[in-house]
């Protein structure tokens, strides 16, 4: 009998299944997936002060979670983390970087980083939760 289990965190086995299945399904459809997770942390001495993570797959780099601790903001930590992602994938052949953010978070920051707004999904209950969809072409 099939059982459904809730997990707070993924482990190596689950990451491997995701990677393998994405790649197999893409191959069946004449595509190359190359699914890879990425994670960078910024540290001040041994204290983690910033995190960025996401996935590289198909023809894009998707930034998932991105945060800098409040007391370290406006010190270019976010810019350094974003640049590390771009450095990691500079030799990969893909079309764009993309991400989402909410109105109350960092739209202006992403625009300063060269991201272009593609779409805003309005939230009817709270405009601070309007979701912004951004992309940035890979520099050639």
N, C-alpha and C. Protein backbone atom coordinates (compact mmCIF):
# COMPACT_ATOMS: atom_id res chain seq x y z
N UNK A 1 0.84 -1.19 0.00
CA UNK A 1 0.00 0.00 0.00
C UNK A 1 0.89 1.25 0.00
N UNK A 2 0.54 2.22 -0.79
CA UNK A 2 1.30 3.47 -0.89
C UNK A 2 1.04 4.31 0.34
N UNK A 3 2.12 4.86 0.89
CA UNK A 3 2.01 5.78 2.03
C UNK A 3 2.63 7.11 1.63
N UNK A 4 2.04 8.18 2.08
CA UNK A 4 2.57 9.52 1.84
C UNK A 4 3.17 10.02 3.13
N UNK A 5 4.42 10.50 3.04
CA UNK A 5 5.15 10.95 4.22
C UNK A 5 5.59 12.40 4.02
N UNK A 6 5.43 13.21 5.03
CA UNK A 6 5.87 14.61 5.00
C UNK A 6 7.30 14.69 5.50
N UNK A 7 8.16 15.42 4.77
CA UNK A 7 9.55 15.63 5.16
C UNK A 7 9.83 17.13 5.22
N UNK A 8 10.48 17.56 6.27
CA UNK A 8 10.90 18.96 6.36
C UNK A 8 12.08 19.23 5.44
N UNK A 9 12.98 18.25 5.31
CA UNK A 9 14.20 18.44 4.52
C UNK A 9 14.41 17.25 3.60
N UNK A 10 15.01 17.51 2.46
CA UNK A 10 15.36 16.45 1.54
C UNK A 10 16.73 15.90 1.90
N UNK A 11 16.96 14.65 1.56
CA UNK A 11 18.27 14.05 1.80
C UNK A 11 18.91 13.70 0.46
N UNK A 12 20.11 13.13 0.51
CA UNK A 12 20.86 12.82 -0.70
C UNK A 12 20.11 11.83 -1.60
N UNK A 13 19.48 10.84 -1.00
CA UNK A 13 18.73 9.84 -1.78
C UNK A 13 17.60 10.51 -2.57
N UNK A 14 16.88 11.41 -1.93
CA UNK A 14 15.76 12.08 -2.59
C UNK A 14 16.28 13.02 -3.68
N UNK A 15 17.36 13.74 -3.39
CA UNK A 15 17.97 14.60 -4.42
C UNK A 15 18.36 13.78 -5.65
N UNK A 16 18.91 12.60 -5.41
CA UNK A 16 19.33 11.73 -6.52
C UNK A 16 18.13 11.26 -7.34
N UNK A 17 17.04 10.89 -6.67
CA UNK A 17 15.83 10.48 -7.38
C UNK A 17 15.29 11.63 -8.23
N UNK A 18 15.21 12.81 -7.64
CA UNK A 18 14.72 13.99 -8.38
C UNK A 18 15.58 14.21 -9.62
N UNK A 19 16.89 14.23 -9.42
CA UNK A 19 17.83 14.45 -10.51
C UNK A 19 17.66 13.41 -11.61
N UNK A 20 17.67 12.13 -11.23
CA UNK A 20 17.57 11.06 -12.22
C UNK A 20 16.24 11.09 -12.98
N UNK A 21 15.15 11.29 -12.27
CA UNK A 21 13.84 11.26 -12.92
C UNK A 21 13.62 12.48 -13.82
N UNK A 22 14.05 13.65 -13.38
CA UNK A 22 13.97 14.82 -14.26
C UNK A 22 14.76 14.57 -15.54
N UNK A 23 15.98 14.03 -15.38
CA UNK A 23 16.83 13.79 -16.54
C UNK A 23 16.24 12.74 -17.48
N UNK A 24 15.71 11.64 -16.94
CA UNK A 24 15.11 10.60 -17.77
C UNK A 24 13.90 11.13 -18.54
N UNK A 25 13.04 11.87 -17.86
CA UNK A 25 11.83 12.39 -18.50
C UNK A 25 12.18 13.40 -19.60
N UNK A 26 13.16 14.23 -19.31
CA UNK A 26 13.60 15.21 -20.32
C UNK A 26 14.14 14.49 -21.55
N UNK A 27 14.97 13.47 -21.32
CA UNK A 27 15.56 12.72 -22.42
C UNK A 27 14.49 12.08 -23.30
N UNK A 28 13.44 11.54 -22.68
CA UNK A 28 12.33 10.95 -23.44
C UNK A 28 11.65 11.98 -24.33
N UNK A 29 11.75 13.24 -23.97
CA UNK A 29 11.13 14.32 -24.73
C UNK A 29 12.12 15.10 -25.58
N UNK A 30 13.31 14.52 -25.77
CA UNK A 30 14.30 15.14 -26.63
C UNK A 30 14.99 16.35 -26.03
N UNK A 31 14.98 16.43 -24.71
CA UNK A 31 15.60 17.56 -24.01
C UNK A 31 16.71 17.08 -23.09
N UNK A 32 17.56 18.00 -22.73
CA UNK A 32 18.60 17.72 -21.74
C UNK A 32 18.29 18.54 -20.50
N UNK A 33 18.20 17.87 -19.36
CA UNK A 33 17.80 18.55 -18.13
C UNK A 33 18.99 19.08 -17.35
N UNK A 34 19.98 18.23 -17.09
CA UNK A 34 21.16 18.62 -16.28
C UNK A 34 20.77 19.22 -14.94
N UNK A 35 19.83 18.62 -14.26
CA UNK A 35 19.31 19.14 -12.99
C UNK A 35 20.42 19.17 -11.94
N UNK A 36 20.66 20.35 -11.38
CA UNK A 36 21.67 20.52 -10.33
C UNK A 36 21.16 21.53 -9.32
N UNK A 37 21.32 21.22 -8.05
CA UNK A 37 21.04 22.19 -6.99
C UNK A 37 22.28 23.05 -6.78
N UNK A 38 22.09 24.25 -6.31
CA UNK A 38 23.24 25.06 -5.87
C UNK A 38 22.87 25.78 -4.58
N UNK A 39 23.88 25.98 -3.76
CA UNK A 39 23.73 26.66 -2.47
C UNK A 39 25.00 27.44 -2.19
N UNK A 40 24.87 28.70 -1.84
CA UNK A 40 25.99 29.51 -1.37
C UNK A 40 25.60 30.12 -0.04
N UNK A 41 26.58 30.22 0.85
CA UNK A 41 26.36 30.94 2.10
C UNK A 41 27.44 32.00 2.24
N UNK A 42 27.08 33.11 2.84
CA UNK A 42 28.04 34.16 3.19
C UNK A 42 28.24 34.06 4.70
N UNK A 43 29.49 34.15 5.13
CA UNK A 43 29.80 34.04 6.55
C UNK A 43 30.61 35.24 7.01
N UNK A 44 30.36 35.65 8.22
CA UNK A 44 31.18 36.65 8.90
C UNK A 44 31.79 35.91 10.07
N UNK A 45 33.09 35.63 9.98
CA UNK A 45 33.75 34.69 10.87
C UNK A 45 33.04 33.35 10.70
N UNK A 46 32.43 32.79 11.69
CA UNK A 46 31.72 31.52 11.52
C UNK A 46 30.21 31.68 11.49
N UNK A 47 29.73 32.90 11.51
CA UNK A 47 28.29 33.16 11.53
C UNK A 47 27.75 33.25 10.10
N UNK A 48 26.74 32.46 9.80
CA UNK A 48 26.09 32.54 8.49
C UNK A 48 25.26 33.81 8.46
N UNK A 49 25.54 34.66 7.46
CA UNK A 49 24.85 35.96 7.36
C UNK A 49 24.04 36.11 6.08
N UNK A 50 24.21 35.17 5.16
CA UNK A 50 23.45 35.22 3.91
C UNK A 50 23.40 33.86 3.25
N UNK A 51 22.31 33.61 2.52
CA UNK A 51 22.11 32.32 1.85
C UNK A 51 21.43 32.57 0.51
N UNK A 52 21.89 31.85 -0.50
CA UNK A 52 21.20 31.83 -1.79
C UNK A 52 21.23 30.39 -2.29
N UNK A 53 20.10 29.93 -2.81
CA UNK A 53 20.07 28.58 -3.37
C UNK A 53 19.12 28.54 -4.55
N UNK A 54 19.15 27.43 -5.24
CA UNK A 54 18.26 27.26 -6.37
C UNK A 54 18.62 26.03 -7.17
N UNK A 55 18.22 26.04 -8.44
CA UNK A 55 18.42 24.90 -9.32
C UNK A 55 18.87 25.38 -10.70
N UNK A 56 19.71 24.56 -11.30
CA UNK A 56 20.06 24.72 -12.71
C UNK A 56 19.39 23.55 -13.42
N UNK A 57 18.53 23.83 -14.36
CA UNK A 57 17.89 22.76 -15.10
C UNK A 57 17.36 23.27 -16.43
N UNK A 58 17.22 22.31 -17.36
CA UNK A 58 16.80 22.61 -18.72
C UNK A 58 17.63 23.76 -19.27
N UNK A 59 17.04 24.89 -19.47
CA UNK A 59 17.74 25.99 -20.12
C UNK A 59 17.75 27.24 -19.24
N UNK A 60 17.77 27.01 -17.91
CA UNK A 60 17.68 28.16 -17.00
C UNK A 60 18.34 27.89 -15.66
N UNK A 61 18.65 28.98 -14.99
CA UNK A 61 19.10 28.95 -13.60
C UNK A 61 18.01 29.63 -12.80
N UNK A 62 17.41 28.87 -11.89
CA UNK A 62 16.32 29.42 -11.07
C UNK A 62 16.82 29.67 -9.65
N UNK A 63 16.70 30.90 -9.20
CA UNK A 63 17.06 31.25 -7.83
C UNK A 63 15.83 31.03 -6.97
N UNK A 64 15.99 30.21 -5.94
CA UNK A 64 14.87 29.85 -5.07
C UNK A 64 14.80 30.73 -3.83
N UNK A 65 15.65 30.45 -2.88
CA UNK A 65 15.67 31.20 -1.62
C UNK A 65 16.90 32.10 -1.59
N UNK A 66 16.70 33.31 -1.07
CA UNK A 66 17.78 34.30 -1.02
C UNK A 66 17.50 35.22 0.16
N UNK A 67 18.41 35.24 1.11
CA UNK A 67 18.21 36.07 2.30
C UNK A 67 19.56 36.53 2.85
N UNK A 68 19.59 37.75 3.30
CA UNK A 68 20.74 38.30 4.04
C UNK A 68 20.19 38.76 5.38
N UNK A 69 20.87 38.39 6.46
CA UNK A 69 20.41 38.80 7.79
C UNK A 69 20.27 40.32 7.84
N UNK A 70 19.26 40.78 8.53
CA UNK A 70 18.91 42.20 8.52
C UNK A 70 20.08 43.11 8.88
N UNK A 71 20.85 42.74 9.88
CA UNK A 71 21.95 43.62 10.30
C UNK A 71 23.11 43.67 9.30
N UNK A 72 23.08 42.80 8.26
CA UNK A 72 24.12 42.78 7.24
C UNK A 72 23.64 43.32 5.89
N UNK A 73 22.41 43.77 5.84
CA UNK A 73 21.87 44.30 4.58
C UNK A 73 22.50 45.66 4.27
N UNK A 74 22.46 46.04 3.01
CA UNK A 74 23.05 47.29 2.51
C UNK A 74 24.56 47.33 2.69
N UNK A 75 25.17 46.14 2.71
CA UNK A 75 26.63 46.03 2.78
C UNK A 75 27.15 45.23 1.58
N UNK A 76 26.35 45.09 0.54
CA UNK A 76 26.69 44.41 -0.71
C UNK A 76 26.83 42.90 -0.58
N UNK A 77 26.38 42.32 0.53
CA UNK A 77 26.43 40.86 0.70
C UNK A 77 25.53 40.20 -0.34
N UNK A 78 24.33 40.73 -0.54
CA UNK A 78 23.41 40.17 -1.53
C UNK A 78 23.99 40.21 -2.93
N UNK A 79 24.62 41.31 -3.26
CA UNK A 79 25.26 41.44 -4.58
C UNK A 79 26.35 40.40 -4.75
N UNK A 80 27.16 40.20 -3.71
CA UNK A 80 28.23 39.19 -3.78
C UNK A 80 27.66 37.80 -3.97
N UNK A 81 26.58 37.48 -3.26
CA UNK A 81 25.96 36.16 -3.41
C UNK A 81 25.41 35.97 -4.83
N UNK A 82 24.73 36.97 -5.35
CA UNK A 82 24.18 36.88 -6.71
C UNK A 82 25.31 36.70 -7.73
N UNK A 83 26.40 37.42 -7.55
CA UNK A 83 27.53 37.30 -8.47
C UNK A 83 28.17 35.92 -8.41
N UNK A 84 28.18 35.30 -7.23
CA UNK A 84 28.73 33.94 -7.10
C UNK A 84 27.90 32.96 -7.92
N UNK A 85 26.59 33.13 -7.91
CA UNK A 85 25.73 32.26 -8.73
C UNK A 85 26.08 32.45 -10.21
N UNK A 86 26.22 33.69 -10.64
CA UNK A 86 26.56 33.95 -12.04
C UNK A 86 27.93 33.38 -12.40
N UNK A 87 28.89 33.48 -11.49
CA UNK A 87 30.22 32.90 -11.73
C UNK A 87 30.14 31.38 -11.88
N UNK A 88 29.35 30.75 -11.02
CA UNK A 88 29.23 29.29 -11.05
C UNK A 88 28.74 28.79 -12.41
N UNK A 89 27.83 29.53 -13.02
CA UNK A 89 27.21 29.08 -14.26
C UNK A 89 27.71 29.81 -15.50
N UNK A 90 28.78 30.58 -15.38
CA UNK A 90 29.23 31.38 -16.52
C UNK A 90 29.63 30.54 -17.73
N UNK A 91 30.08 29.31 -17.52
CA UNK A 91 30.50 28.47 -18.64
C UNK A 91 29.43 27.49 -19.09
N UNK A 92 28.26 27.54 -18.49
CA UNK A 92 27.15 26.66 -18.87
C UNK A 92 26.37 27.30 -20.01
N UNK A 93 25.78 26.46 -20.84
CA UNK A 93 25.00 26.93 -21.98
C UNK A 93 23.52 26.94 -21.59
N UNK A 94 23.00 28.10 -21.27
CA UNK A 94 21.59 28.23 -20.88
C UNK A 94 21.08 29.58 -21.33
N UNK A 95 19.77 29.77 -21.20
CA UNK A 95 19.13 30.98 -21.70
C UNK A 95 19.04 32.11 -20.68
N UNK A 96 18.62 31.79 -19.43
CA UNK A 96 18.36 32.88 -18.49
C UNK A 96 18.45 32.46 -17.04
N UNK A 97 18.57 33.48 -16.20
CA UNK A 97 18.39 33.35 -14.75
C UNK A 97 16.96 33.79 -14.49
N UNK A 98 16.28 33.19 -13.51
CA UNK A 98 14.95 33.67 -13.16
C UNK A 98 14.67 33.46 -11.69
N UNK A 99 13.69 34.22 -11.19
CA UNK A 99 13.35 34.17 -9.78
C UNK A 99 12.00 34.83 -9.56
N UNK A 100 11.47 34.64 -8.37
CA UNK A 100 10.26 35.36 -7.96
C UNK A 100 10.53 36.03 -6.62
N UNK A 101 9.81 37.11 -6.38
CA UNK A 101 9.90 37.82 -5.11
C UNK A 101 8.55 38.48 -4.86
N UNK A 102 8.33 38.86 -3.63
CA UNK A 102 7.09 39.56 -3.29
C UNK A 102 7.33 41.06 -3.27
N UNK A 103 6.25 41.81 -3.38
CA UNK A 103 6.33 43.27 -3.42
C UNK A 103 7.07 43.84 -2.22
N UNK A 104 6.90 43.25 -1.04
CA UNK A 104 7.52 43.80 0.16
C UNK A 104 8.99 43.38 0.29
N UNK A 105 9.45 42.50 -0.58
CA UNK A 105 10.81 42.01 -0.46
C UNK A 105 11.80 42.84 -1.27
N UNK A 106 12.25 42.35 -2.42
CA UNK A 106 13.41 42.97 -3.05
C UNK A 106 13.27 43.29 -4.54
N UNK A 107 12.12 43.72 -5.04
CA UNK A 107 12.05 44.02 -6.48
C UNK A 107 13.10 45.02 -6.96
N UNK A 108 13.32 46.06 -6.21
CA UNK A 108 14.29 47.10 -6.63
C UNK A 108 15.71 46.54 -6.69
N UNK A 109 16.05 45.67 -5.73
CA UNK A 109 17.38 45.06 -5.72
C UNK A 109 17.60 44.26 -7.00
N UNK A 110 16.63 43.42 -7.36
CA UNK A 110 16.79 42.59 -8.55
C UNK A 110 16.88 43.44 -9.82
N UNK A 111 16.14 44.53 -9.86
CA UNK A 111 16.23 45.42 -11.02
C UNK A 111 17.63 46.04 -11.11
N UNK A 112 18.21 46.40 -9.96
CA UNK A 112 19.59 46.93 -9.95
C UNK A 112 20.58 45.88 -10.44
N UNK A 113 20.26 44.60 -10.22
CA UNK A 113 21.13 43.50 -10.64
C UNK A 113 20.91 43.12 -12.11
N UNK A 114 20.05 43.86 -12.81
CA UNK A 114 19.84 43.62 -14.23
C UNK A 114 18.67 42.72 -14.58
N UNK A 115 17.88 42.35 -13.60
CA UNK A 115 16.71 41.51 -13.85
C UNK A 115 15.57 42.36 -14.40
N UNK A 116 14.83 41.79 -15.33
CA UNK A 116 13.68 42.47 -15.94
C UNK A 116 12.39 41.83 -15.45
N UNK A 117 11.45 42.67 -15.11
CA UNK A 117 10.15 42.20 -14.65
C UNK A 117 9.37 41.62 -15.82
N UNK A 118 8.93 40.37 -15.68
CA UNK A 118 8.12 39.73 -16.72
C UNK A 118 6.63 39.80 -16.40
N UNK A 119 6.31 39.73 -15.13
CA UNK A 119 4.90 39.58 -14.77
C UNK A 119 4.71 39.87 -13.29
N UNK A 120 3.57 40.42 -12.93
CA UNK A 120 3.18 40.57 -11.52
C UNK A 120 1.86 39.82 -11.34
N UNK A 121 1.86 38.86 -10.43
CA UNK A 121 0.61 38.18 -10.09
C UNK A 121 0.04 38.87 -8.87
N UNK A 122 -1.09 39.52 -9.05
CA UNK A 122 -1.72 40.31 -7.98
C UNK A 122 -2.31 39.41 -6.90
N UNK A 123 -2.16 39.84 -5.66
CA UNK A 123 -2.80 39.18 -4.52
C UNK A 123 -3.99 40.04 -4.13
N UNK A 124 -5.16 39.49 -4.17
CA UNK A 124 -6.38 40.25 -3.90
C UNK A 124 -6.58 40.58 -2.43
N UNK A 125 -5.88 39.89 -1.54
CA UNK A 125 -6.04 40.14 -0.11
C UNK A 125 -5.04 41.16 0.43
N UNK A 126 -3.81 41.13 -0.12
CA UNK A 126 -2.75 41.97 0.43
C UNK A 126 -1.76 42.32 -0.68
N UNK A 127 -1.68 43.57 -1.05
CA UNK A 127 -0.81 43.96 -2.16
C UNK A 127 0.68 43.74 -1.85
N UNK A 128 1.04 43.68 -0.58
CA UNK A 128 2.44 43.37 -0.24
C UNK A 128 2.82 41.97 -0.71
N UNK A 129 1.80 41.14 -0.95
CA UNK A 129 2.03 39.78 -1.41
C UNK A 129 1.84 39.62 -2.92
N UNK A 130 1.82 40.74 -3.65
CA UNK A 130 1.89 40.65 -5.10
C UNK A 130 3.20 39.97 -5.44
N UNK A 131 3.15 38.99 -6.33
CA UNK A 131 4.35 38.21 -6.64
C UNK A 131 4.94 38.68 -7.96
N UNK A 132 6.22 39.02 -7.93
CA UNK A 132 6.95 39.54 -9.08
C UNK A 132 7.79 38.42 -9.69
N UNK A 133 7.68 38.26 -11.00
CA UNK A 133 8.44 37.26 -11.74
C UNK A 133 9.50 37.99 -12.56
N UNK A 134 10.76 37.65 -12.32
CA UNK A 134 11.88 38.32 -12.97
C UNK A 134 12.73 37.33 -13.76
N UNK A 135 13.39 37.84 -14.79
CA UNK A 135 14.39 37.05 -15.50
C UNK A 135 15.51 37.97 -15.97
N UNK A 136 16.63 37.33 -16.25
CA UNK A 136 17.81 38.05 -16.73
C UNK A 136 18.50 37.15 -17.75
N UNK A 137 18.70 37.64 -18.97
CA UNK A 137 19.39 36.80 -19.95
C UNK A 137 20.84 36.56 -19.54
N UNK A 138 21.34 35.41 -19.93
CA UNK A 138 22.76 35.14 -19.67
C UNK A 138 23.58 36.06 -20.55
N UNK A 139 24.59 36.65 -19.98
CA UNK A 139 25.50 37.50 -20.77
C UNK A 139 26.35 36.60 -21.66
N UNK A 140 26.47 36.99 -22.90
CA UNK A 140 27.25 36.19 -23.85
C UNK A 140 28.69 36.66 -23.88
